[in-house]
Amino acid sequence: MGAKDKISNKAEQLKGKVKQGVGDATGDEELSAEGEADMAKGGLKQAGERVKDAAKNVKDAFKKD
């Protein structure tokens, strides 16, 4: 996973966590839900990057033989 992608995905998760916290503190259910969605989106992107990295590692392992 590229460092740029990793930072971007973590930032999206952090933004979501802040939104959710503010939404919960103010009773704004819509903002809280947006925050949860942002956190999930960032997590899914990170998972996708990890799958790509794993596939590349497998591909590289077969090249070495």
C-alpha atoms as a PDB file:
ATOM      1  CA  MET A   1       0.000   0.000   0.000  1.00  0.00           C
ATOM      2  CA  GLY A   2       1.373   3.379  -0.923  1.00  0.00           C
ATOM      3  CA  ALA A   3       2.057   5.765   1.906  1.00  0.00           C
ATOM      4  CA  LYS A   4      -0.089   8.423   0.240  1.00  0.00           C
ATOM      5  CA  ASP A   5      -3.083   6.064   0.050  1.00  0.00           C
ATOM      6  CA  LYS A   6      -2.569   4.883   3.610  1.00  0.00           C
ATOM      7  CA  ILE A   7      -2.502   8.456   4.931  1.00  0.00           C
ATOM      8  CA  SER A   8      -5.543   9.422   2.866  1.00  0.00           C
ATOM      9  CA  ASN A   9      -7.548   6.428   4.105  1.00  0.00           C
ATOM     10  CA  LYS A  10      -6.594   7.066   7.733  1.00  0.00           C
ATOM     11  CA  ALA A  11      -7.514  10.737   7.334  1.00  0.00           C
ATOM     12  CA  GLU A  12     -10.925   9.737   6.010  1.00  0.00           C
ATOM     13  CA  GLN A  13     -11.447   7.448   8.987  1.00  0.00           C
ATOM     14  CA  LEU A  14     -10.354  10.185  11.408  1.00  0.00           C
ATOM     15  CA  LYS A  15     -12.659  12.711   9.742  1.00  0.00           C
ATOM     16  CA  GLY A  16     -15.491  10.221  10.168  1.00  0.00           C
ATOM     17  CA  LYS A  17     -14.668   9.667  13.809  1.00  0.00           C
ATOM     18  CA  VAL A  18     -14.734  13.420  14.461  1.00  0.00           C
ATOM     19  CA  LYS A  19     -18.035  13.833  12.594  1.00  0.00           C
ATOM     20  CA  GLN A  20     -19.571  10.971  14.517  1.00  0.00           C
ATOM     21  CA  GLY A  21     -18.358  12.383  17.830  1.00  0.00           C
ATOM     22  CA  VAL A  22     -19.711  15.842  17.084  1.00  0.00           C
ATOM     23  CA  GLY A  23     -22.980  14.350  15.860  1.00  0.00           C
ATOM     24  CA  ASP A  24     -23.324  12.257  19.012  1.00  0.00           C
ATOM     25  CA  ALA A  25     -22.449  15.197  21.273  1.00  0.00           C
ATOM     26  CA  THR A  26     -24.928  17.537  19.604  1.00  0.00           C
ATOM     27  CA  GLY A  27     -27.663  14.978  19.029  1.00  0.00           C
ATOM     28  CA  ASP A  28     -27.318  15.351  15.244  1.00  0.00           C
ATOM     29  CA  GLU A  29     -28.131  11.847  14.043  1.00  0.00           C
ATOM     30  CA  GLU A  30     -27.468  12.717  10.397  1.00  0.00           C
ATOM     31  CA  LEU A  31     -23.954  13.986  11.131  1.00  0.00           C
ATOM     32  CA  SER A  32     -23.272  10.945  13.291  1.00  0.00           C
ATOM     33  CA  ALA A  33     -24.407   8.643  10.475  1.00  0.00           C
ATOM     34  CA  GLU A  34     -22.201  10.520   7.984  1.00  0.00           C
ATOM     35  CA  GLY A  35     -19.281  10.002  10.318  1.00  0.00           C
ATOM     36  CA  GLU A  36     -19.939   6.278  10.553  1.00  0.00           C
ATOM     37  CA  ALA A  37     -20.133   6.086   6.755  1.00  0.00           C
ATOM     38  CA  ASP A  38     -16.834   7.953   6.367  1.00  0.00           C
ATOM     39  CA  MET A  39     -15.123   5.600   8.813  1.00  0.00           C
ATOM     40  CA  ALA A  40     -16.465   2.551   6.993  1.00  0.00           C
ATOM     41  CA  LYS A  41     -15.445   3.945   3.610  1.00  0.00           C
ATOM     42  CA  GLY A  42     -11.891   4.566   4.797  1.00  0.00           C
ATOM     43  CA  GLY A  43     -11.711   1.077   6.279  1.00  0.00           C
ATOM     44  CA  LEU A  44     -12.919  -0.542   3.070  1.00  0.00           C
ATOM     45  CA  LYS A  45     -10.354   1.372   1.049  1.00  0.00           C
ATOM     46  CA  GLN A  46      -7.609   0.184   3.375  1.00  0.00           C
ATOM     47  CA  ALA A  47      -8.804  -3.403   3.069  1.00  0.00           C
ATOM     48  CA  GLY A  48      -8.756  -3.109  -0.715  1.00  0.00           C
ATOM     49  CA  GLU A  49      -5.190  -1.804  -0.628  1.00  0.00           C
ATOM     50  CA  ARG A  50      -4.139  -4.714   1.594  1.00  0.00           C
ATOM     51  CA  VAL A  51      -5.676  -7.198  -0.868  1.00  0.00           C
ATOM     52  CA  LYS A  52      -3.762  -5.551  -3.721  1.00  0.00           C
ATOM     53  CA  ASP A  53      -0.542  -5.741  -1.709  1.00  0.00           C
ATOM     54  CA  ALA A  54      -1.108  -9.411  -0.917  1.00  0.00           C
ATOM     55  CA  ALA A  55      -1.794 -10.212  -4.569  1.00  0.00           C
ATOM     56  CA  LYS A  56       1.394  -8.411  -5.588  1.00  0.00           C
ATOM     57  CA  ASN A  57       3.380 -10.387  -3.005  1.00  0.00           C
ATOM     58  CA  VAL A  58       1.999 -13.672  -4.341  1.00  0.00           C
ATOM     59  CA  LYS A  59       2.785 -12.629  -7.897  1.00  0.00           C
ATOM     60  CA  ASP A  60       6.326 -11.617  -6.892  1.00  0.00           C
ATOM     61  CA  ALA A  61       6.837 -14.937  -5.069  1.00  0.00           C
ATOM     62  CA  PHE A  62       6.069 -16.867  -8.261  1.00  0.00           C
ATOM     63  CA  LYS A  63       8.446 -14.687 -10.270  1.00  0.00           C
ATOM     64  CA  LYS A  64      11.366 -15.628  -8.013  1.00  0.00           C
ATOM     65  CA  ASP A  65      11.115 -19.350  -8.825  1.00  0.00           C
END
